[in-house]
């Protein structure tokens, strides 16, 4: 079934901004890394994890998206390669993990806003709802508005850190990087350090769900992904380096966030700029992620895997407004989890969906080796299997770390596994309903 889409399409610079906010939005949320990994392990984990976790995902997304730049992105790829059942798993898992992911950002927003208004936490629930429903309204207006907003927010996020880096570089002191080492890091802390970096770098497949709304999608995605990835890694590495040089206690950094770096290097004005950047970051990420996930239920409803109402487009803006509203309702109920719990659930459910995309890539290489691929990973099937084994190993280590913790990670990990198992339950209900309808029609 063809889907009616807006005539206007976003261009490269807007796509870079949306990708930046979908997978990153700045280093906000990276603060606990120094607590988990220590001075010697933080930079090592920060630089190695994206190579093992993100690069294989990026290459997979680029190849599959070049083959099928369609609305629904990863859901359509898995459905085409592995069948409708696993396609449903992919869409369902992504929908669930995004509810968890979205719930994080209103919480972070209020945390950074308390820099200006210390008593704001007493009004956090109304503020959470204001952010959730304000972003819903923006998304209903359409992708052009999200793209323009992302550009503005990108400037607000990056500017304070550029100023911070310049001031820190001109500050006298020891600029040596602590010797990289993982020695002495407890395994549960290692797992949480991995979760922290993995969460700050996930979402590369989410950026493809609106591919038909992008001008020259194959070319635009190739350039935009490369630019966004480089920007994210450089920004993260410089931020952690500056944090290490500051001498600020890791526990203080985790509790107060990166605004304390601004206070340390530039005084209250720079601390305020960084805090404002954190607020802008959370708003931009929320709007960008909601944009991506709202297209998946739309595509699944086209396949009669979800109610038809989810396919309904706004009569004026041609956006899946019913899907956006339902997402917003569920997120409104998810904001009471703690940050660390949401992070664990988020990564576990996301990683399971990502594994289906890896399997799809390999199967399509075997099944359709001659199909046109404007971008093709320069490896044979065996090479792909070895490459994709890397993120799987990182995923297993992080999951094991959650289960060997002192109880803090077990509850959210079990909840995430239950969420994964729910896909089969819902699939059975859908299959039973389809069978019943077909019998009634007969």
Foldseek 3Di string as FASTA:
>chain_A
DDADADPAFDEQVLLLLLLLLQFALFCFLLLLLCVLQNQQASLVLLVVLCQLAPPLLLQLQLFQCLQPLEAQFLLVLLCVQPNNLVSLLLLLLLLVLLLLVLLQLLVLLQLLCCLVVVVCVVVSLVSSLCLLVVLLVQVLLHDVSLSVLSVVLSCLQVVLLVVLLVLLVPDDDDLDRHHHDRPPRDLLSVLLSSLSSSSNGDRSRLSSNPSVRHDPRSVSSVVSVVVSVVVHSVRNSSLSSLVSGLPDDSVCCVNNPPLVSLCSRPRDVSSNSNSSSSNSSSSSSSSSSLNSSLSNVLVCVVVVLDPVLQVDADPPNRGSSVSSVVSSVSSSVNNPDDNSLSSLLSSLSRVVSSVSSLVSSLSCCVVPVPRDGPRDDPDHSVVSVVSNVSSVVSSVSSLVSLVPDPPPSPVSSVVSVVSSVVSVVSVVVSVVVVVVVVVVVD
